[in-house]
Amino acid sequence: MADGIERGSRGPAPQWKLGRTRTIRVPIAIAEQLIEIARRIDSGEAGEGVILTQEDRQELSKSPWGANCPCS
């Protein structure tokens, strides 16, 4: 496992380049769009249609997975 955390019976870890994940609550009406945006950011395609503020970019660059961060 990439992050070395025991998962037990929770199944395989999701594959995110930026590292560990957390559960958030969002309106169902926009959930799929938000997942798509998150995947684009994670894959380094944070271009047109995805707006990252300077604060967002700084927060992403602090990640231990900063080498994979598309925010530089």
C-alpha atoms as a PDB file:
ATOM      1  CA  MET A   1       0.000   0.000   0.000  1.00  0.00           C
ATOM      2  CA  ALA A   2       1.382   3.377  -1.007  1.00  0.00           C
ATOM      3  CA  ASP A   3       0.715   5.187   2.250  1.00  0.00           C
ATOM      4  CA  GLY A   4       1.428   2.196   4.531  1.00  0.00           C
ATOM      5  CA  ILE A   5      -1.924   2.319   6.297  1.00  0.00           C
ATOM      6  CA  GLU A   6      -3.653  -0.932   7.161  1.00  0.00           C
ATOM      7  CA  ARG A   7      -7.054  -1.017   5.479  1.00  0.00           C
ATOM      8  CA  GLY A   8      -8.472  -4.202   7.006  1.00  0.00           C
ATOM      9  CA  SER A   9     -11.692  -5.242   5.286  1.00  0.00           C
ATOM     10  CA  ARG A  10     -12.277  -1.861   3.624  1.00  0.00           C
ATOM     11  CA  GLY A  11     -10.963  -3.052   0.277  1.00  0.00           C
ATOM     12  CA  PRO A  12      -8.302  -1.522  -1.956  1.00  0.00           C
ATOM     13  CA  ALA A  13      -7.231   2.063  -1.438  1.00  0.00           C
ATOM     14  CA  PRO A  14      -8.434   4.604  -4.019  1.00  0.00           C
ATOM     15  CA  GLN A  15      -5.704   5.670  -6.415  1.00  0.00           C
ATOM     16  CA  TRP A  16      -5.077   9.394  -5.931  1.00  0.00           C
ATOM     17  CA  LYS A  17      -1.700  10.877  -6.881  1.00  0.00           C
ATOM     18  CA  LEU A  18      -1.980  13.591  -4.231  1.00  0.00           C
ATOM     19  CA  GLY A  19      -2.231  11.054  -1.405  1.00  0.00           C
ATOM     20  CA  ARG A  20      -4.701  10.157   1.278  1.00  0.00           C
ATOM     21  CA  THR A  21      -8.384  10.967   1.034  1.00  0.00           C
ATOM     22  CA  ARG A  22     -11.213  11.978   3.348  1.00  0.00           C
ATOM     23  CA  THR A  23     -14.962  11.710   3.177  1.00  0.00           C
ATOM     24  CA  ILE A  24     -16.887  14.934   2.629  1.00  0.00           C
ATOM     25  CA  ARG A  25     -20.585  15.690   2.323  1.00  0.00           C
ATOM     26  CA  VAL A  26     -21.673  17.474  -0.822  1.00  0.00           C
ATOM     27  CA  PRO A  27     -25.046  17.901  -2.516  1.00  0.00           C
ATOM     28  CA  ILE A  28     -25.879  14.879  -4.675  1.00  0.00           C
ATOM     29  CA  ALA A  29     -26.718  17.193  -7.565  1.00  0.00           C
ATOM     30  CA  ILE A  30     -23.062  18.248  -7.924  1.00  0.00           C
ATOM     31  CA  ALA A  31     -21.210  15.217  -6.502  1.00  0.00           C
ATOM     32  CA  GLU A  32     -20.160  13.720  -9.852  1.00  0.00           C
ATOM     33  CA  GLN A  33     -18.979  17.103 -11.144  1.00  0.00           C
ATOM     34  CA  LEU A  34     -16.876  17.621  -8.019  1.00  0.00           C
ATOM     35  CA  ILE A  35     -15.319  14.172  -8.358  1.00  0.00           C
ATOM     36  CA  GLU A  36     -14.477  14.948 -11.983  1.00  0.00           C
ATOM     37  CA  ILE A  37     -12.862  18.252 -10.987  1.00  0.00           C
ATOM     38  CA  ALA A  38     -10.898  16.540  -8.201  1.00  0.00           C
ATOM     39  CA  ARG A  39      -9.649  13.869 -10.630  1.00  0.00           C
ATOM     40  CA  ARG A  40      -8.557  16.568 -13.089  1.00  0.00           C
ATOM     41  CA  ILE A  41      -6.624  18.385 -10.365  1.00  0.00           C
ATOM     42  CA  ASP A  42      -5.091  15.092  -9.184  1.00  0.00           C
ATOM     43  CA  SER A  43      -3.964  14.178 -12.707  1.00  0.00           C
ATOM     44  CA  GLY A  44      -2.409  17.592 -13.325  1.00  0.00           C
ATOM     45  CA  GLU A  45      -5.097  18.787 -15.742  1.00  0.00           C
ATOM     46  CA  ALA A  46      -6.150  21.727 -13.584  1.00  0.00           C
ATOM     47  CA  GLY A  47      -6.581  24.046 -16.497  1.00  0.00           C
ATOM     48  CA  GLU A  48      -9.619  25.601 -18.086  1.00  0.00           C
ATOM     49  CA  GLY A  49     -12.722  25.263 -15.945  1.00  0.00           C
ATOM     50  CA  VAL A  50     -10.780  24.508 -12.755  1.00  0.00           C
ATOM     51  CA  ILE A  51      -9.863  27.560 -10.737  1.00  0.00           C
ATOM     52  CA  LEU A  52      -7.263  27.187  -8.009  1.00  0.00           C
ATOM     53  CA  THR A  53      -6.573  30.223  -5.884  1.00  0.00           C
ATOM     54  CA  GLN A  54      -3.046  31.011  -4.766  1.00  0.00           C
ATOM     55  CA  GLU A  55      -4.070  29.746  -1.323  1.00  0.00           C
ATOM     56  CA  ASP A  56      -5.269  26.450  -2.867  1.00  0.00           C
ATOM     57  CA  ARG A  57      -1.975  26.062  -4.718  1.00  0.00           C
ATOM     58  CA  GLN A  58       0.033  26.743  -1.553  1.00  0.00           C
ATOM     59  CA  GLU A  59      -2.005  24.207   0.420  1.00  0.00           C
ATOM     60  CA  LEU A  60      -1.548  21.555  -2.278  1.00  0.00           C
ATOM     61  CA  SER A  61       2.185  22.232  -2.456  1.00  0.00           C
ATOM     62  CA  LYS A  62       2.485  21.470   1.293  1.00  0.00           C
ATOM     63  CA  SER A  63       1.347  17.921   0.650  1.00  0.00           C
ATOM     64  CA  PRO A  64       3.932  15.186   1.301  1.00  0.00           C
ATOM     65  CA  TRP A  65       3.157  14.151  -2.261  1.00  0.00           C
ATOM     66  CA  GLY A  66       4.153  17.580  -3.539  1.00  0.00           C
ATOM     67  CA  ALA A  67       6.256  16.093  -6.333  1.00  0.00           C
ATOM     68  CA  ASN A  68       2.998  14.950  -7.938  1.00  0.00           C
ATOM     69  CA  CYS A  69       1.199  18.207  -7.295  1.00  0.00           C
ATOM     70  CA  PRO A  70      -0.087  19.912 -10.444  1.00  0.00           C
ATOM     71  CA  CYS A  71      -0.108  23.230  -8.640  1.00  0.00           C
ATOM     72  CA  SER A  72       3.371  24.546  -9.353  1.00  0.00           C
END
